[in-house]
């Protein structure tokens, strides 16, 4: 039997003393490098701050209050129903039951989507020119009921909006329509809360472009 059997020709057999010595030496070098590595070489990244979702600007009549013509007021941040309705229904669903349909007058809305995806379901959207006040949002909850909200124009100032929200949610207030309530506030305080109606041709173009 060859006397060199079981030993590497290069002298690096796993069981040889020279291989063990070199392995220990390499490990020691690695440990030294770790010890002298500056702490600032791999800084800890700051945790991202959570993005706060803007609260829904909404005022509702208290439970048991006589509904009258309005059940409260909604002050959206834009005229984009696709982005505004999910936040609104997220608040109303637990209170009124799942909102399944909404309807508006197209006078102040540039685009009216037929369907809006919200948390866990779809809300169908409709529009009526003669049956619905231009400043009102009609909401339906399947098998439960109907509610009517004053729509405060997004560009309304905070003071005017606060007055309108209080008036629309006051069960002892006058039974005014949405437009009449806004007009009364403008007449009393001299601050316009409405914007100019959309051009009829643009309203029509927006409707026909909806998929």
N, C-alpha and C. Protein backbone atom coordinates (compact mmCIF):
# COMPACT_ATOMS: atom_id res chain seq x y z
N UNK A 1 0.86 -1.20 0.00
CA UNK A 1 0.00 0.00 0.00
C UNK A 1 0.89 1.23 0.00
N UNK A 2 0.52 2.19 -0.77
CA UNK A 2 1.28 3.44 -0.85
C UNK A 2 1.21 4.16 0.48
N UNK A 3 2.34 4.62 0.96
CA UNK A 3 2.38 5.26 2.27
C UNK A 3 1.74 6.62 2.29
N UNK A 4 1.49 7.20 1.09
CA UNK A 4 0.88 8.53 1.03
C UNK A 4 -0.61 8.46 0.88
N UNK A 5 -1.22 7.28 0.89
CA UNK A 5 -2.66 7.15 0.70
C UNK A 5 -3.39 7.85 1.85
N UNK A 6 -4.45 8.61 1.51
CA UNK A 6 -5.24 9.34 2.51
C UNK A 6 -4.69 10.70 2.80
N UNK A 7 -3.61 11.10 2.14
CA UNK A 7 -3.04 12.42 2.36
C UNK A 7 -3.02 13.18 1.06
N UNK A 8 -3.45 14.45 1.12
CA UNK A 8 -3.49 15.27 -0.10
C UNK A 8 -2.08 15.50 -0.59
N UNK A 9 -1.91 15.50 -1.93
CA UNK A 9 -0.59 15.76 -2.50
C UNK A 9 -0.14 17.18 -2.26
N UNK A 10 -1.08 18.06 -1.94
CA UNK A 10 -0.73 19.46 -1.72
C UNK A 10 -0.46 19.75 -0.25
N UNK A 11 -0.71 18.77 0.59
CA UNK A 11 -0.45 18.99 2.01
C UNK A 11 -1.59 19.65 2.74
N UNK A 12 -2.80 19.75 2.14
CA UNK A 12 -3.94 20.41 2.76
C UNK A 12 -5.05 19.43 3.10
N UNK A 13 -4.72 18.24 3.46
CA UNK A 13 -5.72 17.26 3.89
C UNK A 13 -6.39 17.79 5.15
N UNK A 14 -7.72 17.55 5.24
CA UNK A 14 -8.49 18.12 6.35
C UNK A 14 -7.96 17.72 7.70
N UNK A 15 -7.29 16.57 7.74
CA UNK A 15 -6.83 16.11 9.05
C UNK A 15 -5.42 16.54 9.36
N UNK A 16 -4.70 17.19 8.46
CA UNK A 16 -3.31 17.55 8.68
C UNK A 16 -3.20 18.72 9.64
N UNK A 17 -2.09 18.76 10.37
CA UNK A 17 -1.89 19.84 11.33
C UNK A 17 -1.70 21.18 10.65
N UNK A 18 -1.06 21.18 9.46
CA UNK A 18 -0.86 22.45 8.76
C UNK A 18 -2.17 23.05 8.32
N UNK A 19 -3.14 22.21 7.87
CA UNK A 19 -4.45 22.72 7.45
C UNK A 19 -5.19 23.32 8.63
N UNK A 20 -5.11 22.64 9.81
CA UNK A 20 -5.79 23.17 11.00
C UNK A 20 -5.19 24.50 11.41
N UNK A 21 -3.85 24.61 11.32
CA UNK A 21 -3.20 25.86 11.69
C UNK A 21 -3.64 26.99 10.78
N UNK A 22 -3.71 26.74 9.48
CA UNK A 22 -4.11 27.79 8.54
C UNK A 22 -5.57 28.17 8.75
N UNK A 23 -6.41 27.19 9.08
CA UNK A 23 -7.83 27.48 9.33
C UNK A 23 -7.97 28.38 10.55
N UNK A 24 -7.24 28.07 11.63
CA UNK A 24 -7.30 28.90 12.83
C UNK A 24 -6.78 30.31 12.54
N UNK A 25 -5.73 30.39 11.74
CA UNK A 25 -5.16 31.70 11.42
C UNK A 25 -6.15 32.54 10.63
N UNK A 26 -6.84 31.91 9.68
CA UNK A 26 -7.82 32.64 8.87
C UNK A 26 -8.98 33.11 9.73
N UNK A 27 -9.42 32.26 10.68
CA UNK A 27 -10.52 32.63 11.57
C UNK A 27 -10.13 33.79 12.45
N UNK A 28 -8.88 33.81 12.95
CA UNK A 28 -8.41 34.89 13.79
C UNK A 28 -8.38 36.21 13.03
N UNK A 29 -7.91 36.16 11.77
CA UNK A 29 -7.90 37.36 10.94
C UNK A 29 -9.32 37.90 10.75
N UNK A 30 -10.26 36.98 10.50
CA UNK A 30 -11.64 37.40 10.30
C UNK A 30 -12.20 38.05 11.55
N UNK A 31 -11.88 37.47 12.74
CA UNK A 31 -12.37 38.05 14.00
C UNK A 31 -11.80 39.44 14.23
N UNK A 32 -10.52 39.62 13.89
CA UNK A 32 -9.90 40.94 14.06
C UNK A 32 -10.57 41.98 13.17
N UNK A 33 -10.86 41.56 11.95
CA UNK A 33 -11.53 42.50 11.03
C UNK A 33 -12.89 42.92 11.55
N UNK A 34 -13.62 41.97 12.13
CA UNK A 34 -14.94 42.30 12.68
C UNK A 34 -14.82 43.25 13.84
N UNK A 35 -13.80 43.02 14.69
CA UNK A 35 -13.65 43.86 15.88
C UNK A 35 -13.28 45.29 15.52
N UNK A 36 -12.49 45.49 14.47
CA UNK A 36 -12.04 46.84 14.15
C UNK A 36 -12.96 47.54 13.16
N UNK A 37 -14.02 46.88 12.72
CA UNK A 37 -14.93 47.51 11.76
C UNK A 37 -15.67 48.67 12.43
N UNK A 38 -15.62 49.86 11.87
CA UNK A 38 -16.29 51.00 12.49
C UNK A 38 -17.79 50.76 12.61
N UNK A 39 -18.37 51.25 13.72
CA UNK A 39 -19.80 51.05 13.95
C UNK A 39 -20.65 51.82 12.95
N UNK A 40 -20.06 52.85 12.35
CA UNK A 40 -20.84 53.68 11.43
C UNK A 40 -20.84 53.14 10.00
N UNK A 41 -20.19 51.98 9.78
CA UNK A 41 -20.13 51.46 8.42
C UNK A 41 -21.50 51.04 7.91
N UNK A 42 -22.36 50.54 8.80
CA UNK A 42 -23.69 50.09 8.41
C UNK A 42 -24.73 50.76 9.32
N UNK A 43 -25.00 52.02 9.08
CA UNK A 43 -25.93 52.74 9.96
C UNK A 43 -27.32 52.13 9.89
N UNK A 44 -28.04 52.18 11.00
CA UNK A 44 -29.42 51.70 11.05
C UNK A 44 -30.33 52.69 10.35
N UNK A 45 -31.11 52.21 9.41
CA UNK A 45 -32.01 53.09 8.69
C UNK A 45 -33.18 53.48 9.58
N UNK A 46 -33.61 54.74 9.54
CA UNK A 46 -34.75 55.15 10.37
C UNK A 46 -36.03 54.46 9.93
N UNK A 47 -36.88 54.15 10.87
CA UNK A 47 -38.15 53.53 10.53
C UNK A 47 -39.06 54.55 9.85
N UNK A 48 -39.74 54.14 8.79
CA UNK A 48 -40.62 55.08 8.11
C UNK A 48 -41.80 55.47 8.99
N UNK A 49 -42.11 56.75 9.00
CA UNK A 49 -43.25 57.22 9.78
C UNK A 49 -44.55 56.82 9.09
N UNK A 50 -45.55 56.38 9.84
CA UNK A 50 -46.83 56.02 9.21
C UNK A 50 -47.50 57.24 8.60
N UNK A 51 -48.09 57.04 7.44
CA UNK A 51 -48.77 58.13 6.75
C UNK A 51 -50.19 58.26 7.30
N UNK A 52 -50.52 59.42 7.82
CA UNK A 52 -51.84 59.64 8.39
C UNK A 52 -52.87 59.85 7.29
N UNK A 53 -53.96 59.13 7.39
CA UNK A 53 -55.05 59.29 6.43
C UNK A 53 -55.92 60.45 6.90
N UNK A 54 -56.18 61.42 6.03
CA UNK A 54 -57.02 62.55 6.45
C UNK A 54 -58.38 62.08 6.94
N UNK A 55 -58.83 62.67 8.04
CA UNK A 55 -60.12 62.30 8.60
C UNK A 55 -61.25 62.76 7.68
N UNK A 56 -62.32 61.99 7.63
CA UNK A 56 -63.48 62.36 6.83
C UNK A 56 -64.20 63.53 7.51
N UNK A 57 -64.44 64.58 6.75
CA UNK A 57 -65.08 65.77 7.30
C UNK A 57 -66.59 65.57 7.18
N UNK A 58 -67.19 65.15 8.29
CA UNK A 58 -68.58 64.71 8.26
C UNK A 58 -69.26 65.10 9.56
N UNK A 59 -70.51 65.54 9.47
CA UNK A 59 -71.33 65.84 10.65
C UNK A 59 -72.70 65.22 10.43
N UNK A 60 -73.17 64.40 11.40
CA UNK A 60 -74.43 63.69 11.26
C UNK A 60 -75.37 64.05 12.41
N UNK A 61 -76.66 63.95 12.13
CA UNK A 61 -77.64 64.16 13.19
C UNK A 61 -77.53 63.03 14.20
N UNK A 62 -77.85 63.35 15.43
CA UNK A 62 -77.77 62.35 16.49
C UNK A 62 -78.84 61.29 16.31
N UNK A 63 -78.62 60.13 16.92
CA UNK A 63 -79.59 59.04 16.84
C UNK A 63 -80.93 59.47 17.41
N UNK A 64 -81.97 59.11 16.72
CA UNK A 64 -83.31 59.44 17.19
C UNK A 64 -83.80 60.80 16.76
N UNK A 65 -82.94 61.60 16.13
CA UNK A 65 -83.36 62.93 15.68
C UNK A 65 -84.26 62.81 14.47
N UNK A 66 -85.22 63.73 14.36
CA UNK A 66 -86.09 63.75 13.19
C UNK A 66 -85.25 64.05 11.97
N UNK A 67 -85.36 63.24 10.94
CA UNK A 67 -84.48 63.39 9.78
C UNK A 67 -84.71 64.69 9.04
N UNK A 68 -85.95 65.08 8.80
CA UNK A 68 -86.19 66.29 8.03
C UNK A 68 -85.72 66.13 6.60
N UNK A 69 -85.12 67.18 6.04
CA UNK A 69 -84.65 67.13 4.66
C UNK A 69 -83.21 66.66 4.54
N UNK A 70 -82.44 66.80 5.61
CA UNK A 70 -81.03 66.42 5.58
C UNK A 70 -80.68 65.62 6.83
N UNK A 71 -79.75 64.69 6.65
CA UNK A 71 -79.29 63.87 7.77
C UNK A 71 -77.90 64.28 8.25
N UNK A 72 -77.35 65.31 7.66
CA UNK A 72 -76.03 65.78 8.05
C UNK A 72 -75.35 66.46 6.89
N UNK A 73 -74.05 66.65 7.02
CA UNK A 73 -73.27 67.35 5.99
C UNK A 73 -71.94 66.65 5.78
N UNK A 74 -71.47 66.71 4.55
CA UNK A 74 -70.18 66.12 4.15
C UNK A 74 -69.38 67.20 3.44
N UNK A 75 -68.13 67.36 3.86
CA UNK A 75 -67.24 68.36 3.27
C UNK A 75 -66.08 67.64 2.59
N UNK A 76 -66.24 67.22 1.35
CA UNK A 76 -65.17 66.49 0.66
C UNK A 76 -63.98 67.39 0.38
N UNK A 77 -62.84 66.78 0.12
CA UNK A 77 -61.62 67.54 -0.18
C UNK A 77 -61.44 67.80 -1.67
N UNK A 78 -62.26 67.16 -2.49
CA UNK A 78 -62.14 67.35 -3.94
C UNK A 78 -63.46 66.99 -4.58
N UNK A 79 -63.51 67.15 -5.91
CA UNK A 79 -64.70 66.76 -6.68
C UNK A 79 -64.45 65.43 -7.38
N UNK A 80 -63.63 64.60 -6.80
CA UNK A 80 -63.31 63.29 -7.36
C UNK A 80 -64.03 62.22 -6.55
N UNK A 81 -65.16 61.76 -7.04
CA UNK A 81 -65.94 60.76 -6.31
C UNK A 81 -65.18 59.45 -6.14
N UNK A 82 -64.35 59.13 -7.12
CA UNK A 82 -63.61 57.87 -7.06
C UNK A 82 -62.68 57.83 -5.86
N UNK A 83 -62.12 58.96 -5.49
CA UNK A 83 -61.20 59.00 -4.36
C UNK A 83 -61.88 59.40 -3.06
N UNK A 84 -63.01 60.09 -3.13
CA UNK A 84 -63.67 60.60 -1.94
C UNK A 84 -64.64 59.60 -1.31
N UNK A 85 -65.34 58.82 -2.12
CA UNK A 85 -66.38 57.94 -1.58
C UNK A 85 -65.84 56.82 -0.66
N UNK A 86 -64.68 56.20 -0.95
CA UNK A 86 -64.22 55.14 -0.05
C UNK A 86 -64.05 55.60 1.39
N UNK A 87 -63.51 56.79 1.60
CA UNK A 87 -63.33 57.29 2.97
C UNK A 87 -64.68 57.57 3.62
N UNK A 88 -65.62 58.07 2.85
CA UNK A 88 -66.94 58.36 3.39
C UNK A 88 -67.67 57.09 3.80
N UNK A 89 -67.68 56.09 2.93
CA UNK A 89 -68.38 54.85 3.25
C UNK A 89 -67.72 54.09 4.40
N UNK A 90 -66.40 54.27 4.56
CA UNK A 90 -65.71 53.61 5.66
C UNK A 90 -66.25 54.08 7.00
N UNK A 91 -66.71 55.33 7.06
CA UNK A 91 -67.29 55.87 8.28
C UNK A 91 -68.76 55.49 8.40
N UNK A 92 -69.49 55.54 7.28
CA UNK A 92 -70.94 55.35 7.33
C UNK A 92 -71.36 53.88 7.40
N UNK A 93 -70.61 52.98 6.81
CA UNK A 93 -71.00 51.57 6.81
C UNK A 93 -71.28 51.02 8.22
N UNK A 94 -70.40 51.27 9.20
CA UNK A 94 -70.69 50.74 10.55
C UNK A 94 -71.89 51.43 11.21
N UNK A 95 -72.20 52.65 10.79
CA UNK A 95 -73.29 53.40 11.42
C UNK A 95 -74.64 53.12 10.78
N UNK A 96 -74.67 53.06 9.47
CA UNK A 96 -75.92 52.97 8.73
C UNK A 96 -76.11 51.63 8.02
N UNK A 97 -75.19 50.75 8.11
CA UNK A 97 -75.24 49.55 7.29
C UNK A 97 -74.51 49.80 5.99
N UNK A 98 -74.19 48.75 5.28
CA UNK A 98 -73.37 48.86 4.07
C UNK A 98 -74.04 49.77 3.04
N UNK A 99 -73.34 50.82 2.65
CA UNK A 99 -73.83 51.72 1.60
C UNK A 99 -73.64 51.03 0.25
N UNK A 100 -74.72 50.87 -0.49
CA UNK A 100 -74.64 50.15 -1.77
C UNK A 100 -74.81 51.06 -2.97
N UNK A 101 -75.49 52.19 -2.80
CA UNK A 101 -75.71 53.12 -3.91
C UNK A 101 -75.64 54.56 -3.43
N UNK A 102 -75.14 55.41 -4.31
CA UNK A 102 -75.18 56.85 -4.07
C UNK A 102 -75.62 57.54 -5.36
N UNK A 103 -76.17 58.73 -5.21
CA UNK A 103 -76.60 59.49 -6.38
C UNK A 103 -76.33 60.96 -6.14
N UNK A 104 -75.98 61.66 -7.20
CA UNK A 104 -75.69 63.08 -7.14
C UNK A 104 -76.30 63.77 -8.35
N UNK A 105 -76.36 65.09 -8.25
CA UNK A 105 -76.66 65.91 -9.41
C UNK A 105 -75.32 66.21 -10.09
N UNK A 106 -75.20 66.05 -11.41
CA UNK A 106 -73.89 66.21 -12.07
C UNK A 106 -73.40 67.65 -12.20
N UNK A 107 -74.18 68.63 -11.71
CA UNK A 107 -73.81 70.02 -11.93
C UNK A 107 -72.41 70.37 -11.44
N UNK A 108 -72.02 69.84 -10.29
CA UNK A 108 -70.74 70.21 -9.70
C UNK A 108 -69.70 69.09 -9.72
N UNK A 109 -69.98 68.02 -10.47
CA UNK A 109 -69.06 66.89 -10.50
C UNK A 109 -68.53 66.68 -11.92
N UNK A 110 -67.24 66.84 -12.15
CA UNK A 110 -66.69 66.73 -13.51
C UNK A 110 -66.79 65.33 -14.09
N UNK A 111 -66.69 64.30 -13.25
CA UNK A 111 -66.77 62.92 -13.71
C UNK A 111 -67.56 62.11 -12.69
N UNK A 112 -68.45 61.28 -13.18
CA UNK A 112 -69.26 60.45 -12.30
C UNK A 112 -69.03 58.99 -12.67
N UNK A 113 -68.25 58.27 -11.90
CA UNK A 113 -68.02 56.86 -12.19
C UNK A 113 -69.27 56.04 -11.91
N UNK A 114 -69.46 54.99 -12.67
CA UNK A 114 -70.64 54.15 -12.43
C UNK A 114 -70.49 53.28 -11.20
N UNK A 115 -69.25 52.88 -10.92
CA UNK A 115 -68.99 52.04 -9.76
C UNK A 115 -67.71 52.52 -9.06
N UNK A 116 -67.74 52.46 -7.73
CA UNK A 116 -66.58 52.85 -6.95
C UNK A 116 -66.23 51.71 -5.99
N UNK A 117 -65.04 51.13 -6.11
CA UNK A 117 -64.65 50.08 -5.16
C UNK A 117 -64.33 50.68 -3.79
N UNK A 118 -64.96 50.14 -2.77
CA UNK A 118 -64.69 50.57 -1.40
C UNK A 118 -64.27 49.33 -0.61
N UNK A 119 -64.13 49.46 0.69
CA UNK A 119 -63.64 48.34 1.50
C UNK A 119 -64.61 47.15 1.46
N UNK A 120 -64.23 46.13 0.72
CA UNK A 120 -64.99 44.89 0.73
C UNK A 120 -66.18 44.82 -0.20
N UNK A 121 -66.52 45.88 -0.90
CA UNK A 121 -67.67 45.82 -1.80
C UNK A 121 -67.61 46.96 -2.82
N UNK A 122 -68.64 47.03 -3.64
CA UNK A 122 -68.72 48.04 -4.69
C UNK A 122 -69.93 48.94 -4.43
N UNK A 123 -69.73 50.23 -4.58
CA UNK A 123 -70.83 51.19 -4.48
C UNK A 123 -71.19 51.66 -5.89
N UNK A 124 -72.44 51.52 -6.25
CA UNK A 124 -72.91 51.97 -7.55
C UNK A 124 -73.30 53.45 -7.46
N UNK A 125 -72.93 54.20 -8.48
CA UNK A 125 -73.15 55.64 -8.48
C UNK A 125 -74.08 56.02 -9.62
N UNK A 126 -75.05 56.86 -9.31
CA UNK A 126 -75.97 57.35 -10.33
C UNK A 126 -76.07 58.86 -10.28
N UNK A 127 -76.67 59.44 -11.29
CA UNK A 127 -76.85 60.89 -11.31
C UNK A 127 -78.23 61.25 -11.85
N UNK A 128 -78.78 62.34 -11.31
CA UNK A 128 -80.09 62.83 -11.73
C UNK A 128 -80.04 64.35 -11.72
N UNK A 129 -80.53 64.96 -12.78
CA UNK A 129 -80.46 66.42 -12.88
C UNK A 129 -81.65 67.12 -12.24
N UNK A 130 -82.83 66.56 -12.34
CA UNK A 130 -84.03 67.23 -11.82
C UNK A 130 -84.41 66.74 -10.43
N UNK A 131 -84.15 65.49 -10.12
CA UNK A 131 -84.63 64.90 -8.88
C UNK A 131 -83.75 65.20 -7.67
N UNK A 132 -82.49 65.53 -7.88
CA UNK A 132 -81.57 65.71 -6.76
C UNK A 132 -81.03 67.13 -6.73
N UNK A 133 -81.03 67.71 -5.54
CA UNK A 133 -80.45 69.03 -5.31
C UNK A 133 -78.97 68.99 -5.68
N UNK A 134 -78.47 70.01 -6.37
CA UNK A 134 -77.05 70.02 -6.77
C UNK A 134 -76.07 69.93 -5.60
N UNK A 135 -76.53 70.31 -4.41
CA UNK A 135 -75.65 70.31 -3.24
C UNK A 135 -75.99 69.18 -2.27
N UNK A 136 -76.54 68.11 -2.80
CA UNK A 136 -76.93 66.99 -1.93
C UNK A 136 -76.37 65.67 -2.45
N UNK A 137 -76.04 64.80 -1.53
CA UNK A 137 -75.61 63.44 -1.84
C UNK A 137 -76.65 62.49 -1.25
N UNK A 138 -77.19 61.63 -2.10
CA UNK A 138 -78.18 60.65 -1.67
C UNK A 138 -77.47 59.31 -1.50
N UNK A 139 -77.70 58.67 -0.35
CA UNK A 139 -77.06 57.38 -0.07
C UNK A 139 -78.12 56.34 0.26
N UNK A 140 -77.94 55.13 -0.24
CA UNK A 140 -78.87 54.04 0.01
C UNK A 140 -78.11 52.86 0.61
N UNK A 141 -78.69 52.27 1.65
CA UNK A 141 -78.17 51.06 2.24
C UNK A 141 -79.21 49.97 2.01
N UNK A 142 -78.81 48.91 1.33
CA UNK A 142 -79.76 47.89 0.89
C UNK A 142 -80.57 47.32 2.06
N UNK A 143 -81.88 47.46 1.96
CA UNK A 143 -82.78 46.89 2.95
C UNK A 143 -82.83 47.64 4.26
N UNK A 144 -82.12 48.77 4.37
CA UNK A 144 -82.09 49.50 5.65
C UNK A 144 -82.69 50.89 5.52
N UNK A 145 -82.21 51.68 4.60
CA UNK A 145 -82.77 53.03 4.51
C UNK A 145 -82.04 53.93 3.54
N UNK A 146 -82.46 55.19 3.57
CA UNK A 146 -81.91 56.23 2.71
C UNK A 146 -81.50 57.40 3.57
N UNK A 147 -80.41 58.07 3.17
CA UNK A 147 -79.93 59.24 3.88
C UNK A 147 -79.55 60.31 2.86
N UNK A 148 -79.68 61.57 3.29
CA UNK A 148 -79.36 62.71 2.44
C UNK A 148 -78.37 63.61 3.16
N UNK A 149 -77.26 63.88 2.51
CA UNK A 149 -76.23 64.73 3.10
C UNK A 149 -76.05 66.00 2.28
N UNK A 150 -75.89 67.11 2.99
CA UNK A 150 -75.47 68.35 2.35
C UNK A 150 -74.03 68.19 1.90
N UNK A 151 -73.74 68.54 0.65
CA UNK A 151 -72.36 68.54 0.16
C UNK A 151 -71.82 69.96 0.24
N UNK A 152 -70.88 70.16 1.12
CA UNK A 152 -70.24 71.47 1.22
C UNK A 152 -69.12 71.54 0.19
N UNK A 153 -69.12 72.54 -0.68
CA UNK A 153 -68.08 72.61 -1.71
C UNK A 153 -66.68 72.51 -1.12
N UNK A 154 -65.79 71.76 -1.76
CA UNK A 154 -64.44 71.54 -1.22
C UNK A 154 -63.67 72.82 -0.94
N UNK A 155 -63.89 73.86 -1.76
CA UNK A 155 -63.12 75.09 -1.60
C UNK A 155 -63.68 76.02 -0.53
N UNK A 156 -64.72 75.61 0.16
CA UNK A 156 -65.33 76.43 1.21
C UNK A 156 -64.35 76.66 2.35
N UNK A 157 -64.35 77.88 2.90
CA UNK A 157 -63.50 78.18 4.05
C UNK A 157 -63.94 77.42 5.28
N UNK A 158 -63.01 77.29 6.22
CA UNK A 158 -63.27 76.48 7.41
C UNK A 158 -64.43 77.03 8.24
N UNK A 159 -64.52 78.34 8.40
CA UNK A 159 -65.59 78.92 9.22
C UNK A 159 -66.95 78.68 8.59
N UNK A 160 -67.05 78.91 7.28
CA UNK A 160 -68.32 78.68 6.59
C UNK A 160 -68.70 77.20 6.65
N UNK A 161 -67.72 76.33 6.45
CA UNK A 161 -67.99 74.90 6.48
C UNK A 161 -68.48 74.47 7.85
N UNK A 162 -67.87 75.00 8.91
CA UNK A 162 -68.29 74.65 10.26
C UNK A 162 -69.73 75.07 10.52
N UNK A 163 -70.11 76.25 10.05
CA UNK A 163 -71.49 76.70 10.23
C UNK A 163 -72.46 75.80 9.48
N UNK A 164 -72.12 75.45 8.25
CA UNK A 164 -73.00 74.62 7.43
C UNK A 164 -73.13 73.21 8.01
N UNK A 165 -72.04 72.67 8.50
CA UNK A 165 -72.09 71.34 9.09
C UNK A 165 -72.96 71.33 10.35
N UNK A 166 -72.84 72.38 11.14
CA UNK A 166 -73.66 72.48 12.35
C UNK A 166 -75.13 72.63 12.00
N UNK A 167 -75.42 73.45 11.00
CA UNK A 167 -76.82 73.68 10.61
C UNK A 167 -77.45 72.41 10.04
N UNK A 168 -76.71 71.67 9.22
CA UNK A 168 -77.26 70.48 8.58
C UNK A 168 -77.45 69.33 9.57
N UNK A 169 -76.68 69.31 10.64
CA UNK A 169 -76.78 68.23 11.62
C UNK A 169 -77.61 68.61 12.84
N UNK A 170 -78.18 69.81 12.84
CA UNK A 170 -79.00 70.28 13.96
C UNK A 170 -80.44 69.83 13.75
N UNK A 171 -80.95 68.96 14.63
CA UNK A 171 -82.30 68.45 14.44
C UNK A 171 -83.36 69.50 14.74
N UNK A 172 -82.98 70.62 15.37
CA UNK A 172 -83.93 71.69 15.66
C UNK A 172 -83.89 72.80 14.61
N UNK A 173 -83.03 72.63 13.59
CA UNK A 173 -82.90 73.67 12.58
C UNK A 173 -84.07 73.72 11.62
N UNK A 174 -84.08 74.74 10.79
CA UNK A 174 -85.15 74.89 9.81
C UNK A 174 -85.05 73.80 8.75
N UNK A 175 -86.20 73.30 8.27
CA UNK A 175 -86.18 72.24 7.24
C UNK A 175 -85.87 72.81 5.86
N UNK A 176 -84.61 73.17 5.65
CA UNK A 176 -84.20 73.76 4.38
C UNK A 176 -83.56 72.70 3.49
N UNK A 177 -83.68 72.92 2.18
CA UNK A 177 -82.98 72.04 1.25
C UNK A 177 -81.48 72.35 1.31
N UNK A 178 -80.68 71.52 0.69
CA UNK A 178 -79.23 71.72 0.71
C UNK A 178 -78.85 73.06 0.09
N UNK A 179 -79.40 73.37 -1.08
CA UNK A 179 -79.07 74.64 -1.74
C UNK A 179 -79.58 75.82 -0.95
N UNK A 180 -80.77 75.69 -0.35
CA UNK A 180 -81.33 76.78 0.44
C UNK A 180 -80.48 77.04 1.68
N UNK A 181 -79.94 75.99 2.27
CA UNK A 181 -79.10 76.15 3.45
C UNK A 181 -77.82 76.89 3.10
N UNK A 182 -77.22 76.55 1.98
CA UNK A 182 -76.00 77.24 1.55
C UNK A 182 -76.31 78.70 1.21
N UNK A 183 -77.42 78.93 0.53
CA UNK A 183 -77.80 80.30 0.16
C UNK A 183 -78.08 81.14 1.40
N UNK A 184 -78.70 80.56 2.41
CA UNK A 184 -79.00 81.30 3.64
C UNK A 184 -77.72 81.69 4.35
N UNK A 185 -76.74 80.80 4.36
CA UNK A 185 -75.47 81.12 5.00
C UNK A 185 -74.75 82.23 4.24
N UNK A 186 -74.80 82.17 2.91
CA UNK A 186 -74.16 83.22 2.11
C UNK A 186 -74.83 84.57 2.34
N UNK A 187 -76.17 84.58 2.40
CA UNK A 187 -76.89 85.84 2.61
C UNK A 187 -76.59 86.44 3.97
N UNK A 188 -76.44 85.59 4.97
CA UNK A 188 -76.24 86.09 6.33
C UNK A 188 -74.81 86.56 6.56
N UNK A 189 -73.84 85.82 6.03
CA UNK A 189 -72.44 86.12 6.33
C UNK A 189 -71.68 86.73 5.15
N UNK A 190 -72.31 86.78 4.00
CA UNK A 190 -71.68 87.41 2.85
C UNK A 190 -70.47 86.67 2.32
N UNK A 191 -70.38 85.37 2.60
CA UNK A 191 -69.26 84.56 2.12
C UNK A 191 -69.82 83.46 1.23
N UNK A 192 -69.38 83.45 -0.02
CA UNK A 192 -69.87 82.44 -0.96
C UNK A 192 -69.23 81.10 -0.68
N UNK A 193 -70.07 80.06 -0.58
CA UNK A 193 -69.56 78.72 -0.32
C UNK A 193 -69.65 77.84 -1.55
N UNK A 194 -70.15 78.39 -2.64
CA UNK A 194 -70.35 77.57 -3.84
C UNK A 194 -69.36 77.96 -4.92
N UNK A 195 -69.22 77.08 -5.88
CA UNK A 195 -68.40 77.36 -7.04
C UNK A 195 -69.30 77.45 -8.26
N UNK A 196 -68.79 77.96 -9.36
CA UNK A 196 -69.60 78.08 -10.57
C UNK A 196 -69.95 76.70 -11.10
N UNK A 197 -71.18 76.52 -11.56
CA UNK A 197 -71.57 75.22 -12.13
C UNK A 197 -70.70 74.86 -13.32
N UNK A 198 -70.56 73.58 -13.56
CA UNK A 198 -69.80 73.12 -14.72
C UNK A 198 -70.54 73.46 -16.00
N UNK A 199 -69.78 73.65 -17.05
CA UNK A 199 -70.37 73.90 -18.35
C UNK A 199 -71.19 72.69 -18.79
N UNK A 200 -72.44 72.86 -19.24
CA UNK A 200 -73.28 71.72 -19.62
C UNK A 200 -72.63 70.80 -20.64
N UNK A 201 -71.89 71.38 -21.60
CA UNK A 201 -71.22 70.54 -22.60
C UNK A 201 -70.15 69.67 -21.96
N UNK A 202 -69.42 70.23 -20.98
CA UNK A 202 -68.38 69.45 -20.31
C UNK A 202 -69.00 68.35 -19.45
N UNK A 203 -70.15 68.66 -18.84
CA UNK A 203 -70.84 67.65 -18.05
C UNK A 203 -71.23 66.48 -18.94
N UNK A 204 -71.75 66.79 -20.13
CA UNK A 204 -72.16 65.73 -21.04
C UNK A 204 -70.97 64.91 -21.52
N UNK A 205 -69.85 65.60 -21.82
CA UNK A 205 -68.65 64.89 -22.26
C UNK A 205 -68.14 63.95 -21.16
N UNK A 206 -68.21 64.41 -19.92
CA UNK A 206 -67.74 63.57 -18.81
C UNK A 206 -68.60 62.34 -18.69
N UNK A 207 -69.89 62.45 -18.91
CA UNK A 207 -70.78 61.30 -18.78
C UNK A 207 -70.49 60.26 -19.84
N UNK A 208 -70.32 60.70 -21.09
CA UNK A 208 -70.15 59.74 -22.17
C UNK A 208 -68.78 59.08 -22.13
N UNK A 209 -67.82 59.66 -21.41
CA UNK A 209 -66.48 59.06 -21.35
C UNK A 209 -66.38 58.01 -20.25
N UNK A 210 -67.37 57.92 -19.39
CA UNK A 210 -67.33 56.97 -18.30
C UNK A 210 -67.48 55.56 -18.86
N UNK A 211 -66.59 54.61 -18.50
CA UNK A 211 -66.68 53.24 -19.03
C UNK A 211 -67.89 52.52 -18.47
